[in-house]
PDB file of N, CA and C in Angstrom:
ATOM      1  N   MET A   1     -20.802  33.286 -14.772  1.00  0.00           N
ATOM      2  CA  MET A   1     -19.645  32.440 -15.351  1.00  0.00           C
ATOM      3  C   MET A   1     -20.189  31.336 -15.795  1.00  0.00           C
ATOM      4  N   THR A   2     -19.564  31.168 -17.072  1.00  0.00           N
ATOM      5  CA  THR A   2     -19.724  29.687 -17.338  1.00  0.00           C
ATOM      6  C   THR A   2     -18.725  28.662 -17.515  1.00  0.00           C
ATOM      7  N   ALA A   3     -18.990  27.317 -17.354  1.00  0.00           N
ATOM      8  CA  ALA A   3     -17.960  25.982 -17.579  1.00  0.00           C
ATOM      9  C   ALA A   3     -16.753  26.312 -18.748  1.00  0.00           C
ATOM     10  N   PRO A   4     -17.176  26.836 -19.647  1.00  0.00           N
ATOM     11  CA  PRO A   4     -15.723  27.204 -20.812  1.00  0.00           C
ATOM     12  C   PRO A   4     -15.112  28.052 -20.007  1.00  0.00           C
ATOM     13  N   ASP A   5     -15.645  29.279 -19.623  1.00  0.00           N
ATOM     14  CA  ASP A   5     -15.107  30.318 -18.923  1.00  0.00           C
ATOM     15  C   ASP A   5     -13.656  29.820 -18.039  1.00  0.00           C
ATOM     16  N   VAL A   6     -14.467  28.931 -16.476  1.00  0.00           N
ATOM     17  CA  VAL A   6     -13.659  28.513 -15.950  1.00  0.00           C
ATOM     18  C   VAL A   6     -12.857  27.683 -16.198  1.00  0.00           C
ATOM     19  N   ILE A   7     -12.735  26.376 -17.465  1.00  0.00           N
ATOM     20  CA  ILE A   7     -12.228  25.554 -17.756  1.00  0.00           C
ATOM     21  C   ILE A   7     -10.885  26.531 -18.231  1.00  0.00           C
ATOM     22  N   ILE A   8     -10.967  27.498 -19.039  1.00  0.00           N
ATOM     23  CA  ILE A   8      -9.944  28.154 -19.313  1.00  0.00           C
ATOM     24  C   ILE A   8      -8.965  28.971 -18.164  1.00  0.00           C
ATOM     25  N   GLU A   9      -9.819  29.595 -17.225  1.00  0.00           N
ATOM     26  CA  GLU A   9      -8.957  30.346 -16.384  1.00  0.00           C
ATOM     27  C   GLU A   9      -8.441  29.149 -15.507  1.00  0.00           C
ATOM     28  N   ASP A  10      -8.777  28.120 -15.204  1.00  0.00           N
ATOM     29  CA  ASP A  10      -7.683  27.051 -14.779  1.00  0.00           C
ATOM     30  C   ASP A  10      -6.677  26.875 -15.354  1.00  0.00           C
ATOM     31  N   HIS A  11      -6.384  26.736 -17.065  1.00  0.00           N
ATOM     32  CA  HIS A  11      -5.296  26.431 -17.330  1.00  0.00           C
ATOM     33  C   HIS A  11      -4.623  27.677 -17.827  1.00  0.00           C
ATOM     34  N   GLU A  12      -4.947  28.673 -17.341  1.00  0.00           N
ATOM     35  CA  GLU A  12      -4.110  29.950 -17.330  1.00  0.00           C
ATOM     36  C   GLU A  12      -3.666  30.352 -15.978  1.00  0.00           C
ATOM     37  N   ASP A  13      -3.734  29.697 -14.897  1.00  0.00           N
ATOM     38  CA  ASP A  13      -3.417  29.236 -13.690  1.00  0.00           C
ATOM     39  C   ASP A  13      -1.929  29.337 -13.717  1.00  0.00           C
ATOM     40  N   GLU A  14      -1.074  30.000 -12.859  1.00  0.00           N
ATOM     41  CA  GLU A  14       0.205  29.837 -13.125  1.00  0.00           C
ATOM     42  C   GLU A  14       1.173  28.687 -12.416  1.00  0.00           C
ATOM     43  N   ALA A  15       0.000  28.380 -11.628  1.00  0.00           N
ATOM     44  CA  ALA A  15       0.401  27.185 -10.627  1.00  0.00           C
ATOM     45  C   ALA A  15       0.714  25.788 -11.835  1.00  0.00           C
ATOM     46  N   PHE A  16       0.444  26.094 -12.696  1.00  0.00           N
ATOM     47  CA  PHE A  16       0.957  24.764 -13.891  1.00  0.00           C
ATOM     48  C   PHE A  16       2.059  24.785 -14.609  1.00  0.00           C
ATOM     49  N   ASP A  17       2.873  26.053 -14.254  1.00  0.00           N
ATOM     50  CA  ASP A  17       3.978  26.402 -15.056  1.00  0.00           C
ATOM     51  C   ASP A  17       5.227  25.409 -14.561  1.00  0.00           C
ATOM     52  N   ASP A  18       4.933  25.318 -13.006  1.00  0.00           N
ATOM     53  CA  ASP A  18       5.960  24.648 -12.227  1.00  0.00           C
ATOM     54  C   ASP A  18       5.145  22.772 -11.830  1.00  0.00           C
ATOM     55  N   ALA A  19       4.984  22.565 -12.731  1.00  0.00           N
ATOM     56  CA  ALA A  19       4.099  20.978 -12.406  1.00  0.00           C
ATOM     57  C   ALA A  19       4.995  20.230 -12.751  1.00  0.00           C
ATOM     58  N   ASP A  20       5.559  18.801 -11.923  1.00  0.00           N
ATOM     59  CA  ASP A  20       6.332  18.174 -12.730  1.00  0.00           C
ATOM     60  C   ASP A  20       5.720  17.151 -13.164  1.00  0.00           C
ATOM     61  N   ILE A  21       6.165  16.455 -14.129  1.00  0.00           N
ATOM     62  CA  ILE A  21       5.811  14.870 -14.899  1.00  0.00           C
ATOM     63  C   ILE A  21       5.845  14.062 -14.279  1.00  0.00           C
ATOM     64  N   VAL A  22       4.710  13.038 -14.038  1.00  0.00           N
ATOM     65  CA  VAL A  22       4.783  12.262 -12.983  1.00  0.00           C
ATOM     66  C   VAL A  22       4.315  11.191 -13.934  1.00  0.00           C
ATOM     67  N   GLU A  23       5.256   9.755 -13.735  1.00  0.00           N
ATOM     68  CA  GLU A  23       5.360   8.881 -15.136  1.00  0.00           C
ATOM     69  C   GLU A  23       4.582   7.379 -13.491  1.00  0.00           C
ATOM     70  N   TRP A  24       3.527   7.244 -14.411  1.00  0.00           N
ATOM     71  CA  TRP A  24       3.051   6.265 -13.597  1.00  0.00           C
ATOM     72  C   TRP A  24       3.464   4.807 -13.863  1.00  0.00           C
ATOM     73  N   TYR A  25       3.779   4.005 -13.391  1.00  0.00           N
ATOM     74  CA  TYR A  25       3.792   2.630 -13.765  1.00  0.00           C
ATOM     75  C   TYR A  25       2.540   1.798 -13.777  1.00  0.00           C
ATOM     76  N   GLU A  26       2.805   0.696 -14.176  1.00  0.00           N
ATOM     77  CA  GLU A  26       1.776  -0.476 -13.425  1.00  0.00           C
ATOM     78  C   GLU A  26       2.432  -1.509 -12.421  1.00  0.00           C
ATOM     79  N   ALA A  27       1.937  -1.608 -11.829  1.00  0.00           N
ATOM     80  CA  ALA A  27       2.437  -2.746 -10.436  1.00  0.00           C
ATOM     81  C   ALA A  27       2.859  -3.848 -11.052  1.00  0.00           C
ATOM     82  N   ARG A  28       3.687  -4.556 -10.408  1.00  0.00           N
ATOM     83  CA  ARG A  28       3.976  -5.478 -10.178  1.00  0.00           C
ATOM     84  C   ARG A  28       3.237  -6.784  -9.842  1.00  0.00           C
ATOM     85  N   PRO A  29       3.022  -7.577 -10.419  1.00  0.00           N
ATOM     86  CA  PRO A  29       1.941  -8.641  -9.894  1.00  0.00           C
ATOM     87  C   PRO A  29       2.403  -9.387  -8.842  1.00  0.00           C
ATOM     88  N   ILE A  30       1.547  -9.745  -7.692  1.00  0.00           N
ATOM     89  CA  ILE A  30       1.892 -10.503  -6.434  1.00  0.00           C
ATOM     90  C   ILE A  30       2.174 -12.176  -6.786  1.00  0.00           C
ATOM     91  N   THR A  31       3.890 -11.972  -6.230  1.00  0.00           N
ATOM     92  CA  THR A  31       4.234 -13.097  -6.565  1.00  0.00           C
ATOM     93  C   THR A  31       3.406 -14.272  -5.015  1.00  0.00           C
ATOM     94  N   LEU A  32       3.113 -15.207  -4.676  1.00  0.00           N
ATOM     95  CA  LEU A  32       3.008 -16.212  -3.529  1.00  0.00           C
ATOM     96  C   LEU A  32       3.410 -17.259  -3.540  1.00  0.00           C
ATOM     97  N   SER A  33       4.042 -18.202  -2.308  1.00  0.00           N
ATOM     98  CA  SER A  33       4.549 -19.263  -2.960  1.00  0.00           C
ATOM     99  C   SER A  33       3.559 -20.319  -2.700  1.00  0.00           C
ATOM    100  N   THR A  34       4.046 -21.412  -2.907  1.00  0.00           N
ATOM    101  CA  THR A  34       2.553 -22.468  -3.307  1.00  0.00           C
ATOM    102  C   THR A  34       2.147 -23.081  -2.147  1.00  0.00           C
ATOM    103  N   ALA A  35       3.032 -22.981  -0.846  1.00  0.00           N
ATOM    104  CA  ALA A  35       2.520 -23.367   0.787  1.00  0.00           C
ATOM    105  C   ALA A  35       1.771 -21.930   1.144  1.00  0.00           C
ATOM    106  N   ALA A  36       2.240 -20.503   0.670  1.00  0.00           N
ATOM    107  CA  ALA A  36       1.223 -19.623   1.399  1.00  0.00           C
ATOM    108  C   ALA A  36      -0.328 -19.787   0.293  1.00  0.00           C
ATOM    109  N   VAL A  37      -0.439 -20.103  -0.947  1.00  0.00           N
ATOM    110  CA  VAL A  37      -1.914 -20.045  -1.319  1.00  0.00           C
ATOM    111  C   VAL A  37      -2.375 -21.698  -0.845  1.00  0.00           C
ATOM    112  N   THR A  38      -1.410 -22.546  -0.752  1.00  0.00           N
ATOM    113  CA  THR A  38      -2.879 -23.857   0.149  1.00  0.00           C
ATOM    114  C   THR A  38      -2.963 -23.402   1.097  1.00  0.00           C
ATOM    115  N   GLY A  39      -2.075 -22.730   1.957  1.00  0.00           N
ATOM    116  CA  GLY A  39      -2.688 -22.627   3.026  1.00  0.00           C
ATOM    117  C   GLY A  39      -3.297 -21.463   3.305  1.00  0.00           C
ATOM    118  N   ALA A  40      -3.948 -20.781   2.448  1.00  0.00           N
ATOM    119  CA  ALA A  40      -5.140 -19.544   2.287  1.00  0.00           C
ATOM    120  C   ALA A  40      -6.170 -20.417   2.229  1.00  0.00           C
ATOM    121  N   VAL A  41      -5.879 -21.302   0.965  1.00  0.00           N
ATOM    122  CA  VAL A  41      -7.390 -22.323   0.620  1.00  0.00           C
ATOM    123  C   VAL A  41      -7.528 -23.046   1.700  1.00  0.00           C
ATOM    124  N   ILE A  42      -6.926 -23.606   2.196  1.00  0.00           N
ATOM    125  CA  ILE A  42      -7.073 -24.868   3.565  1.00  0.00           C
ATOM    126  C   ILE A  42      -7.470 -24.056   4.507  1.00  0.00           C
ATOM    127  N   SER A  43      -7.570 -22.927   4.711  1.00  0.00           N
ATOM    128  CA  SER A  43      -7.520 -21.473   5.888  1.00  0.00           C
ATOM    129  C   SER A  43      -9.129 -21.711   5.666  1.00  0.00           C
ATOM    130  N   ALA A  44      -9.597 -20.877   4.786  1.00  0.00           N
ATOM    131  CA  ALA A  44     -10.878 -20.579   3.708  1.00  0.00           C
ATOM    132  C   ALA A  44     -11.785 -21.730   3.828  1.00  0.00           C
ATOM    133  N   PHE A  45     -11.370 -22.939   3.533  1.00  0.00           N
ATOM    134  CA  PHE A  45     -12.304 -23.871   3.407  1.00  0.00           C
ATOM    135  C   PHE A  45     -12.370 -24.625   4.739  1.00  0.00           C
ATOM    136  N   ALA A  46     -11.677 -24.447   6.159  1.00  0.00           N
ATOM    137  CA  ALA A  46     -11.810 -24.677   7.050  1.00  0.00           C
ATOM    138  C   ALA A  46     -12.693 -23.765   7.660  1.00  0.00           C
ATOM    139  N   LEU A  47     -12.650 -22.262   7.910  1.00  0.00           N
ATOM    140  CA  LEU A  47     -13.478 -21.201   8.176  1.00  0.00           C
ATOM    141  C   LEU A  47     -15.182 -21.434   7.667  1.00  0.00           C
ATOM    142  N   GLY A  48     -15.162 -22.060   6.083  1.00  0.00           N
ATOM    143  CA  GLY A  48     -16.164 -21.681   6.157  1.00  0.00           C
ATOM    144  C   GLY A  48     -17.160 -23.073   6.793  1.00  0.00           C
ATOM    145  N   ALA A  49     -16.434 -24.138   6.963  1.00  0.00           N
ATOM    146  CA  ALA A  49     -16.817 -25.489   7.118  1.00  0.00           C
ATOM    147  C   ALA A  49     -17.171 -25.007   8.778  1.00  0.00           C
ATOM    148  N   LEU A  50     -16.725 -24.285   9.565  1.00  0.00           N
ATOM    149  CA  LEU A  50     -16.590 -24.200  10.964  1.00  0.00           C
ATOM    150  C   LEU A  50     -17.541 -22.897  11.045  1.00  0.00           C
ATOM    151  N   THR A  51     -17.700 -22.249  10.040  1.00  0.00           N
ATOM    152  CA  THR A  51     -19.188 -21.094  10.185  1.00  0.00           C
ATOM    153  C   THR A  51     -20.660 -21.803  10.067  1.00  0.00           C
ATOM    154  N   ALA A  52     -20.315 -23.114   8.973  1.00  0.00           N
ATOM    155  CA  ALA A  52     -21.778 -24.150   8.432  1.00  0.00           C
ATOM    156  C   ALA A  52     -22.203 -24.065  10.049  1.00  0.00           C
ATOM    157  N   VAL A  53     -20.876 -25.446  10.340  1.00  0.00           N
ATOM    158  CA  VAL A  53     -21.216 -26.292  11.458  1.00  0.00           C
ATOM    159  C   VAL A  53     -22.136 -25.035  12.547  1.00  0.00           C
ATOM    160  N   GLY A  54     -21.376 -24.280  12.550  1.00  0.00           N
ATOM    161  CA  GLY A  54     -22.031 -23.468  13.966  1.00  0.00           C
ATOM    162  C   GLY A  54     -23.306 -22.707  13.401  1.00  0.00           C
ATOM    163  N   ALA A  55     -23.629 -22.416  12.811  1.00  0.00           N
ATOM    164  CA  ALA A  55     -25.215 -21.951  11.994  1.00  0.00           C
ATOM    165  C   ALA A  55     -25.824 -22.995  12.741  1.00  0.00           C
ATOM    166  N   LEU A  56     -25.927 -24.368  11.997  1.00  0.00           N
ATOM    167  CA  LEU A  56     -26.417 -25.296  12.115  1.00  0.00           C
ATOM    168  C   LEU A  56     -26.681 -25.876  13.908  1.00  0.00           C
ATOM    169  N   PHE A  57     -25.290 -25.522  14.414  1.00  0.00           N
ATOM    170  CA  PHE A  57     -25.907 -25.791  16.159  1.00  0.00           C
ATOM    171  C   PHE A  57     -26.576 -24.609  16.556  1.00  0.00           C
ATOM    172  N   LEU A  58     -26.483 -23.212  16.058  1.00  0.00           N
ATOM    173  CA  LEU A  58     -27.715 -22.222  16.606  1.00  0.00           C
ATOM    174  C   LEU A  58     -28.662 -22.333  16.287  1.00  0.00           C
ATOM    175  N   MET A  59     -29.080 -23.260  14.801  1.00  0.00           N
ATOM    176  CA  MET A  59     -30.278 -23.461  14.659  1.00  0.00           C
ATOM    177  C   MET A  59     -30.919 -24.826  15.436  1.00  0.00           C
ATOM    178  N   GLY A  60     -30.197 -25.187  15.931  1.00  0.00           N
ATOM    179  CA  GLY A  60     -30.576 -26.896  16.483  1.00  0.00           C
ATOM    180  C   GLY A  60     -30.765 -27.815  15.357  1.00  0.00           C
ATOM    181  N   ARG A  61     -30.379 -27.262  14.767  1.00  0.00           N
ATOM    182  CA  ARG A  61     -30.815 -28.671  13.657  1.00  0.00           C
ATOM    183  C   ARG A  61     -29.525 -29.690  13.249  1.00  0.00           C
ATOM    184  N   LEU A  62     -28.520 -29.342  14.250  1.00  0.00           N
ATOM    185  CA  LEU A  62     -27.454 -30.820  14.304  1.00  0.00           C
ATOM    186  C   LEU A  62     -27.834 -31.539  15.179  1.00  0.00           C
ATOM    187  N   ASP A  63     -28.499 -32.778  14.784  1.00  0.00           N
ATOM    188  CA  ASP A  63     -28.746 -33.473  15.833  1.00  0.00           C
ATOM    189  C   ASP A  63     -27.176 -34.379  16.346  1.00  0.00           C
ATOM    190  N   ASP A  64     -27.081 -35.086  17.567  1.00  0.00           N
ATOM    191  CA  ASP A  64     -26.163 -35.642  18.074  1.00  0.00           C
ATOM    192  C   ASP A  64     -25.652 -37.141  17.770  1.00  0.00           C
TER     193      ASP A  64
END
């Protein structure tokens, strides 16, 4: 059995006769408030700074 035979047999299957048409819609754009975006940016910066200080402390490069 070759690939063209399989394709023809799949299209002749009766399961496709009752198939519904599905309409796909583009997703709505995500909307966030200014406060939420500002909080996310500040939190990400603080987490990055805390991680950097922790890494320096663990490596012993942070002097008192």
